[in-house]
């Protein structure tokens, strides 16, 4: 038997022991040895659990990809605010965004002027006192 196969077999034995320890608090005898049939049954059980978990995760993924199929309307956001309050808040935010755009434009202009001034040949050196 190759070392890889031996390592896999040892890992399966280890998983089986961990599984039995989790299911019962009784001490298990490490010398019992596993027959191929028992090992196959254990592997099938693990595979089945993995399939169930994958199915659950697939359902979650499907929900996030297609929420309409589950009756969730993504276009509708519940709110306790009235339409008037929402419109007022929206106007405030639009004003702030426009104000920030104006500040950004002014700063970009100043930055551009500083770049031109730095490259200007008429730039005077600091006067030495």
N, C-alpha and C. Protein backbone atom coordinates (compact mmCIF):
# COMPACT_ATOMS: atom_id res chain seq x y z
N UNK A 1 0.86 -1.17 0.00
CA UNK A 1 0.00 0.00 0.00
C UNK A 1 0.91 1.23 0.00
N UNK A 2 0.60 2.22 -0.86
CA UNK A 2 1.44 3.42 -0.95
C UNK A 2 1.26 4.28 0.30
N UNK A 3 2.23 5.15 0.52
CA UNK A 3 2.17 5.99 1.72
C UNK A 3 0.97 6.94 1.66
N UNK A 4 0.62 7.40 0.46
CA UNK A 4 -0.55 8.28 0.32
C UNK A 4 -1.82 7.54 0.70
N UNK A 5 -1.95 6.31 0.23
CA UNK A 5 -3.13 5.51 0.56
C UNK A 5 -3.17 5.23 2.06
N UNK A 6 -2.02 4.95 2.64
CA UNK A 6 -1.93 4.69 4.07
C UNK A 6 -2.35 5.93 4.86
N UNK A 7 -1.90 7.10 4.40
CA UNK A 7 -2.25 8.35 5.08
C UNK A 7 -3.75 8.61 4.98
N UNK A 8 -4.33 8.35 3.81
CA UNK A 8 -5.78 8.55 3.64
C UNK A 8 -6.55 7.61 4.56
N UNK A 9 -6.10 6.36 4.62
CA UNK A 9 -6.77 5.38 5.47
C UNK A 9 -6.68 5.80 6.94
N UNK A 10 -5.50 6.26 7.36
CA UNK A 10 -5.34 6.72 8.73
C UNK A 10 -6.23 7.93 9.00
N UNK A 11 -6.34 8.85 8.02
CA UNK A 11 -7.19 10.02 8.20
C UNK A 11 -8.66 9.62 8.30
N UNK A 12 -9.08 8.64 7.50
CA UNK A 12 -10.46 8.16 7.59
C UNK A 12 -10.72 7.52 8.95
N UNK A 13 -9.75 6.76 9.44
CA UNK A 13 -9.89 6.18 10.79
C UNK A 13 -10.01 7.28 11.83
N UNK A 14 -9.21 8.29 11.68
CA UNK A 14 -9.24 9.41 12.62
C UNK A 14 -10.59 10.12 12.57
N UNK A 15 -11.11 10.36 11.37
CA UNK A 15 -12.42 10.98 11.23
C UNK A 15 -13.52 10.13 11.84
N UNK A 16 -13.42 8.84 11.63
CA UNK A 16 -14.41 7.91 12.20
C UNK A 16 -14.38 7.99 13.72
N UNK A 17 -13.18 8.01 14.29
CA UNK A 17 -13.08 8.09 15.76
C UNK A 17 -13.64 9.42 16.27
N UNK A 18 -13.33 10.51 15.58
CA UNK A 18 -13.87 11.82 15.98
C UNK A 18 -15.39 11.81 15.91
N UNK A 19 -15.91 11.21 14.86
CA UNK A 19 -17.36 11.14 14.68
C UNK A 19 -18.02 10.35 15.81
N UNK A 20 -17.45 9.23 16.15
CA UNK A 20 -18.02 8.41 17.22
C UNK A 20 -17.91 9.12 18.56
N UNK A 21 -16.82 9.85 18.78
CA UNK A 21 -16.64 10.58 20.03
C UNK A 21 -17.69 11.68 20.15
N UNK A 22 -18.01 12.32 19.04
CA UNK A 22 -19.02 13.38 19.07
C UNK A 22 -20.40 12.81 19.33
N UNK A 23 -20.69 11.65 18.81
CA UNK A 23 -22.03 11.09 18.96
C UNK A 23 -22.25 10.48 20.34
N UNK A 24 -21.24 9.94 20.94
CA UNK A 24 -21.38 9.37 22.28
C UNK A 24 -20.22 9.84 23.13
N UNK A 25 -20.45 9.92 24.40
CA UNK A 25 -19.39 10.32 25.31
C UNK A 25 -18.60 9.12 25.82
N UNK A 26 -18.93 7.94 25.33
CA UNK A 26 -18.24 6.73 25.77
C UNK A 26 -16.85 6.69 25.17
N UNK A 27 -15.93 6.11 25.91
CA UNK A 27 -14.57 5.92 25.38
C UNK A 27 -14.63 4.84 24.32
N UNK A 28 -13.96 5.10 23.21
CA UNK A 28 -13.91 4.09 22.16
C UNK A 28 -12.56 3.41 22.22
N UNK A 29 -12.58 2.18 21.89
CA UNK A 29 -11.36 1.38 21.90
C UNK A 29 -10.67 1.57 20.55
N UNK A 30 -9.48 2.15 20.57
CA UNK A 30 -8.76 2.43 19.33
C UNK A 30 -8.27 1.15 18.65
N UNK A 31 -8.32 0.06 19.35
CA UNK A 31 -7.82 -1.20 18.81
C UNK A 31 -8.88 -2.01 18.07
N UNK A 32 -10.12 -1.50 18.01
CA UNK A 32 -11.19 -2.29 17.40
C UNK A 32 -10.98 -2.54 15.93
N UNK A 33 -10.34 -1.62 15.25
CA UNK A 33 -10.08 -1.79 13.82
C UNK A 33 -11.38 -1.70 13.04
N UNK A 34 -11.30 -1.18 11.86
CA UNK A 34 -12.50 -1.00 11.05
C UNK A 34 -12.48 -1.97 9.89
N UNK A 35 -13.60 -2.58 9.69
CA UNK A 35 -13.76 -3.45 8.54
C UNK A 35 -14.14 -2.56 7.35
N UNK A 36 -13.88 -3.03 6.16
CA UNK A 36 -14.19 -2.26 4.96
C UNK A 36 -15.63 -1.84 4.89
N UNK A 37 -16.53 -2.71 5.35
CA UNK A 37 -17.96 -2.41 5.33
C UNK A 37 -18.29 -1.23 6.23
N UNK A 38 -17.74 -1.23 7.44
CA UNK A 38 -17.97 -0.14 8.38
C UNK A 38 -17.40 1.16 7.85
N UNK A 39 -16.22 1.08 7.26
CA UNK A 39 -15.57 2.26 6.72
C UNK A 39 -16.37 2.83 5.55
N UNK A 40 -16.87 1.97 4.69
CA UNK A 40 -17.70 2.42 3.57
C UNK A 40 -18.98 3.08 4.06
N UNK A 41 -19.59 2.51 5.08
CA UNK A 41 -20.81 3.09 5.64
C UNK A 41 -20.52 4.47 6.21
N UNK A 42 -19.40 4.59 6.89
CA UNK A 42 -19.00 5.87 7.46
C UNK A 42 -18.78 6.90 6.35
N UNK A 43 -18.08 6.50 5.29
CA UNK A 43 -17.81 7.40 4.17
C UNK A 43 -19.12 7.83 3.51
N UNK A 44 -20.04 6.89 3.34
CA UNK A 44 -21.33 7.23 2.74
C UNK A 44 -22.08 8.23 3.61
N UNK A 45 -21.99 8.06 4.92
CA UNK A 45 -22.65 8.99 5.84
C UNK A 45 -22.05 10.39 5.71
N UNK A 46 -20.72 10.47 5.64
CA UNK A 46 -20.07 11.77 5.47
C UNK A 46 -20.45 12.41 4.15
N UNK A 47 -20.46 11.62 3.10
CA UNK A 47 -20.82 12.14 1.77
C UNK A 47 -22.25 12.65 1.78
N UNK A 48 -23.15 11.93 2.43
CA UNK A 48 -24.55 12.35 2.51
C UNK A 48 -24.68 13.68 3.26
N UNK A 49 -23.94 13.82 4.35
CA UNK A 49 -23.98 15.08 5.10
C UNK A 49 -23.45 16.23 4.25
N UNK A 50 -22.40 15.97 3.49
CA UNK A 50 -21.83 17.00 2.61
C UNK A 50 -22.84 17.38 1.52
N UNK A 51 -23.55 16.39 0.98
CA UNK A 51 -24.56 16.66 -0.04
C UNK A 51 -25.69 17.52 0.53
N UNK A 52 -26.11 17.21 1.75
CA UNK A 52 -27.17 17.99 2.40
C UNK A 52 -26.71 19.43 2.61
N UNK A 53 -25.48 19.58 3.06
CA UNK A 53 -24.94 20.92 3.30
C UNK A 53 -24.83 21.69 1.98
N UNK A 54 -24.38 21.03 0.93
CA UNK A 54 -24.27 21.67 -0.38
C UNK A 54 -25.65 22.10 -0.87
N UNK A 55 -26.65 21.25 -0.65
CA UNK A 55 -28.02 21.60 -1.06
C UNK A 55 -28.49 22.85 -0.31
N UNK A 56 -28.21 22.92 0.98
CA UNK A 56 -28.59 24.09 1.76
C UNK A 56 -27.91 25.35 1.22
N UNK A 57 -26.61 25.25 0.95
CA UNK A 57 -25.87 26.40 0.44
C UNK A 57 -26.35 26.79 -0.96
N UNK A 58 -26.72 25.80 -1.77
CA UNK A 58 -27.28 26.09 -3.10
C UNK A 58 -28.58 26.87 -2.98
N UNK A 59 -29.43 26.49 -2.02
CA UNK A 59 -30.68 27.21 -1.80
C UNK A 59 -30.43 28.66 -1.38
N UNK A 60 -29.45 28.85 -0.52
CA UNK A 60 -29.11 30.21 -0.07
C UNK A 60 -28.61 31.03 -1.25
N UNK A 61 -27.73 30.43 -2.04
CA UNK A 61 -27.20 31.13 -3.21
C UNK A 61 -28.32 31.47 -4.18
N UNK A 62 -29.22 30.54 -4.41
CA UNK A 62 -30.35 30.78 -5.31
C UNK A 62 -31.22 31.91 -4.79
N UNK A 63 -31.42 31.96 -3.47
CA UNK A 63 -32.22 33.04 -2.87
C UNK A 63 -31.59 34.39 -3.16
N UNK A 64 -30.26 34.50 -2.98
CA UNK A 64 -29.61 35.78 -3.20
C UNK A 64 -29.56 36.16 -4.68
N UNK A 65 -29.52 35.17 -5.56
CA UNK A 65 -29.48 35.46 -6.99
C UNK A 65 -30.87 35.76 -7.55
N UNK A 66 -31.91 35.15 -6.99
CA UNK A 66 -33.28 35.33 -7.49
C UNK A 66 -34.26 35.53 -6.34
N UNK A 67 -34.19 36.65 -5.63
CA UNK A 67 -35.08 36.83 -4.47
C UNK A 67 -36.56 36.92 -4.86
N UNK A 68 -36.83 37.34 -6.10
CA UNK A 68 -38.23 37.41 -6.53
C UNK A 68 -38.91 36.06 -6.50
N UNK A 69 -38.17 35.00 -6.77
CA UNK A 69 -38.74 33.65 -6.74
C UNK A 69 -39.24 33.26 -5.35
N UNK A 70 -38.73 33.93 -4.34
CA UNK A 70 -39.12 33.62 -2.95
C UNK A 70 -40.04 34.68 -2.35
N UNK A 71 -40.59 35.53 -3.21
CA UNK A 71 -41.56 36.52 -2.76
C UNK A 71 -40.94 37.77 -2.14
N UNK A 72 -39.65 37.97 -2.34
CA UNK A 72 -39.00 39.16 -1.81
C UNK A 72 -38.91 40.18 -2.93
N UNK A 73 -39.52 41.34 -2.72
CA UNK A 73 -39.51 42.39 -3.74
C UNK A 73 -38.36 43.34 -3.44
N UNK A 74 -37.31 43.25 -4.27
CA UNK A 74 -36.12 44.06 -4.02
C UNK A 74 -36.35 45.52 -4.39
N UNK A 75 -37.39 45.81 -5.17
CA UNK A 75 -37.68 47.19 -5.56
C UNK A 75 -38.30 47.98 -4.42
N UNK A 76 -38.90 47.28 -3.49
CA UNK A 76 -39.61 47.93 -2.39
C UNK A 76 -38.76 47.87 -1.13
N UNK A 77 -38.44 49.05 -0.61
CA UNK A 77 -37.68 49.13 0.64
C UNK A 77 -38.62 49.67 1.71
N UNK A 78 -38.89 48.88 2.73
CA UNK A 78 -39.81 49.35 3.77
C UNK A 78 -39.23 50.55 4.51
N UNK A 79 -40.10 51.52 4.81
CA UNK A 79 -39.66 52.72 5.52
C UNK A 79 -40.80 53.26 6.35
N UNK A 80 -40.46 53.82 7.48
CA UNK A 80 -41.48 54.43 8.32
C UNK A 80 -41.61 55.92 8.01
N UNK A 81 -40.78 56.43 7.09
CA UNK A 81 -40.82 57.84 6.72
C UNK A 81 -41.90 58.08 5.66
N UNK A 82 -42.47 59.28 5.71
CA UNK A 82 -43.47 59.64 4.70
C UNK A 82 -42.76 60.04 3.41
N UNK A 83 -43.54 60.15 2.34
CA UNK A 83 -42.97 60.55 1.05
C UNK A 83 -42.36 61.96 1.15
N UNK A 84 -43.02 62.82 1.90
CA UNK A 84 -42.53 64.20 2.06
C UNK A 84 -41.18 64.20 2.77
N UNK A 85 -41.05 63.40 3.84
CA UNK A 85 -39.77 63.31 4.56
C UNK A 85 -38.66 62.74 3.68
N UNK A 86 -39.01 61.76 2.88
CA UNK A 86 -38.03 61.16 1.97
C UNK A 86 -37.57 62.18 0.94
N UNK A 87 -38.53 62.94 0.39
CA UNK A 87 -38.19 63.97 -0.60
C UNK A 87 -37.30 65.05 0.01
N UNK A 88 -37.60 65.45 1.26
CA UNK A 88 -36.77 66.45 1.93
C UNK A 88 -35.35 65.94 2.15
N UNK A 89 -35.24 64.73 2.61
CA UNK A 89 -33.91 64.14 2.86
C UNK A 89 -33.14 64.00 1.55
N UNK A 90 -33.85 63.60 0.51
CA UNK A 90 -33.23 63.46 -0.81
C UNK A 90 -32.70 64.82 -1.29
N UNK A 91 -33.47 65.87 -1.11
CA UNK A 91 -33.04 67.22 -1.51
C UNK A 91 -31.81 67.65 -0.71
N UNK A 92 -31.80 67.35 0.60
CA UNK A 92 -30.62 67.68 1.43
C UNK A 92 -29.37 66.97 0.93
N UNK A 93 -29.52 65.71 0.63
CA UNK A 93 -28.37 64.93 0.15
C UNK A 93 -27.88 65.42 -1.21
N UNK A 94 -28.82 65.76 -2.11
CA UNK A 94 -28.43 66.29 -3.41
C UNK A 94 -27.68 67.61 -3.25
N UNK A 95 -28.14 68.46 -2.33
CA UNK A 95 -27.44 69.72 -2.06
C UNK A 95 -26.02 69.46 -1.57
N UNK A 96 -25.86 68.54 -0.64
CA UNK A 96 -24.53 68.21 -0.11
C UNK A 96 -23.62 67.65 -1.20
N UNK A 97 -24.15 66.79 -2.03
CA UNK A 97 -23.36 66.21 -3.12
C UNK A 97 -22.89 67.32 -4.07
N UNK A 98 -23.80 68.23 -4.42
CA UNK A 98 -23.43 69.34 -5.31
C UNK A 98 -22.39 70.24 -4.66
N UNK A 99 -22.54 70.49 -3.36
CA UNK A 99 -21.56 71.29 -2.64
C UNK A 99 -20.19 70.63 -2.66
N UNK A 100 -20.14 69.34 -2.40
CA UNK A 100 -18.87 68.61 -2.43
C UNK A 100 -18.27 68.59 -3.83
N UNK A 101 -19.11 68.48 -4.85
CA UNK A 101 -18.60 68.55 -6.23
C UNK A 101 -17.96 69.91 -6.49
N UNK A 102 -18.58 70.98 -6.00
CA UNK A 102 -18.03 72.33 -6.18
C UNK A 102 -16.68 72.46 -5.49
N UNK A 103 -16.59 71.96 -4.27
CA UNK A 103 -15.32 72.00 -3.52
C UNK A 103 -14.27 71.19 -4.27
N UNK A 104 -14.63 70.02 -4.75
CA UNK A 104 -13.70 69.19 -5.50
C UNK A 104 -13.21 69.90 -6.75
N UNK A 105 -14.10 70.55 -7.48
CA UNK A 105 -13.71 71.29 -8.68
C UNK A 105 -12.73 72.41 -8.33
N UNK A 106 -13.00 73.13 -7.26
CA UNK A 106 -12.10 74.21 -6.83
C UNK A 106 -10.74 73.66 -6.45
N UNK A 107 -10.70 72.57 -5.73
CA UNK A 107 -9.43 71.96 -5.31
C UNK A 107 -8.65 71.43 -6.51
N UNK A 108 -9.35 70.82 -7.46
CA UNK A 108 -8.68 70.33 -8.66
C UNK A 108 -8.09 71.49 -9.46
N UNK A 109 -8.83 72.61 -9.53
CA UNK A 109 -8.33 73.80 -10.22
C UNK A 109 -7.07 74.34 -9.56
N UNK A 110 -7.09 74.42 -8.23
CA UNK A 110 -5.92 74.90 -7.49
C UNK A 110 -4.74 73.97 -7.70
N UNK A 111 -4.99 72.68 -7.68
CA UNK A 111 -3.93 71.70 -7.90
C UNK A 111 -3.32 71.87 -9.29
N UNK A 112 -4.16 72.09 -10.28
CA UNK A 112 -3.67 72.30 -11.65
C UNK A 112 -2.83 73.57 -11.74
N UNK A 113 -3.29 74.65 -11.09
CA UNK A 113 -2.53 75.90 -11.08
C UNK A 113 -1.17 75.73 -10.40
N UNK A 114 -1.12 74.99 -9.34
CA UNK A 114 0.15 74.74 -8.64
C UNK A 114 1.10 73.95 -9.54
N UNK A 115 0.58 73.02 -10.30
CA UNK A 115 1.41 72.26 -11.22
C UNK A 115 1.98 73.14 -12.31
N UNK A 116 1.16 74.05 -12.83
CA UNK A 116 1.62 74.98 -13.86
C UNK A 116 2.65 75.94 -13.28
N UNK A 117 2.36 76.45 -12.07
CA UNK A 117 3.28 77.41 -11.42
C UNK A 117 4.63 76.76 -11.13
N UNK A 118 4.63 75.51 -10.73
CA UNK A 118 5.87 74.82 -10.41
C UNK A 118 6.74 74.65 -11.66
N UNK A 119 6.12 74.42 -12.79
CA UNK A 119 6.85 74.21 -14.03
C UNK A 119 7.16 75.52 -14.77
N UNK A 120 6.71 76.63 -14.23
CA UNK A 120 6.92 77.92 -14.87
C UNK A 120 8.38 78.33 -14.77
N UNK A 121 8.97 78.84 -15.88
CA UNK A 121 10.37 79.27 -15.83
C UNK A 121 10.56 80.57 -15.04
N UNK A 122 9.51 81.31 -14.81
CA UNK A 122 9.60 82.57 -14.09
C UNK A 122 9.51 82.40 -12.58
N UNK A 123 9.51 81.19 -12.13
CA UNK A 123 9.39 80.92 -10.70
C UNK A 123 10.62 81.49 -9.99
N UNK A 124 10.39 82.38 -9.06
CA UNK A 124 11.49 83.02 -8.35
C UNK A 124 11.92 82.17 -7.18
N UNK A 125 13.20 82.18 -6.93
CA UNK A 125 13.75 81.47 -5.77
C UNK A 125 13.46 82.26 -4.51
N UNK A 126 13.47 81.57 -3.37
CA UNK A 126 13.30 82.27 -2.10
C UNK A 126 14.42 83.26 -1.96
N UNK A 127 14.10 84.45 -1.51
CA UNK A 127 15.13 85.49 -1.32
C UNK A 127 15.98 85.13 -0.13
N UNK A 128 17.28 85.26 -0.32
CA UNK A 128 18.20 85.01 0.79
C UNK A 128 18.37 86.29 1.58
N UNK A 129 18.29 86.20 2.86
CA UNK A 129 18.43 87.37 3.69
C UNK A 129 19.85 87.55 4.14
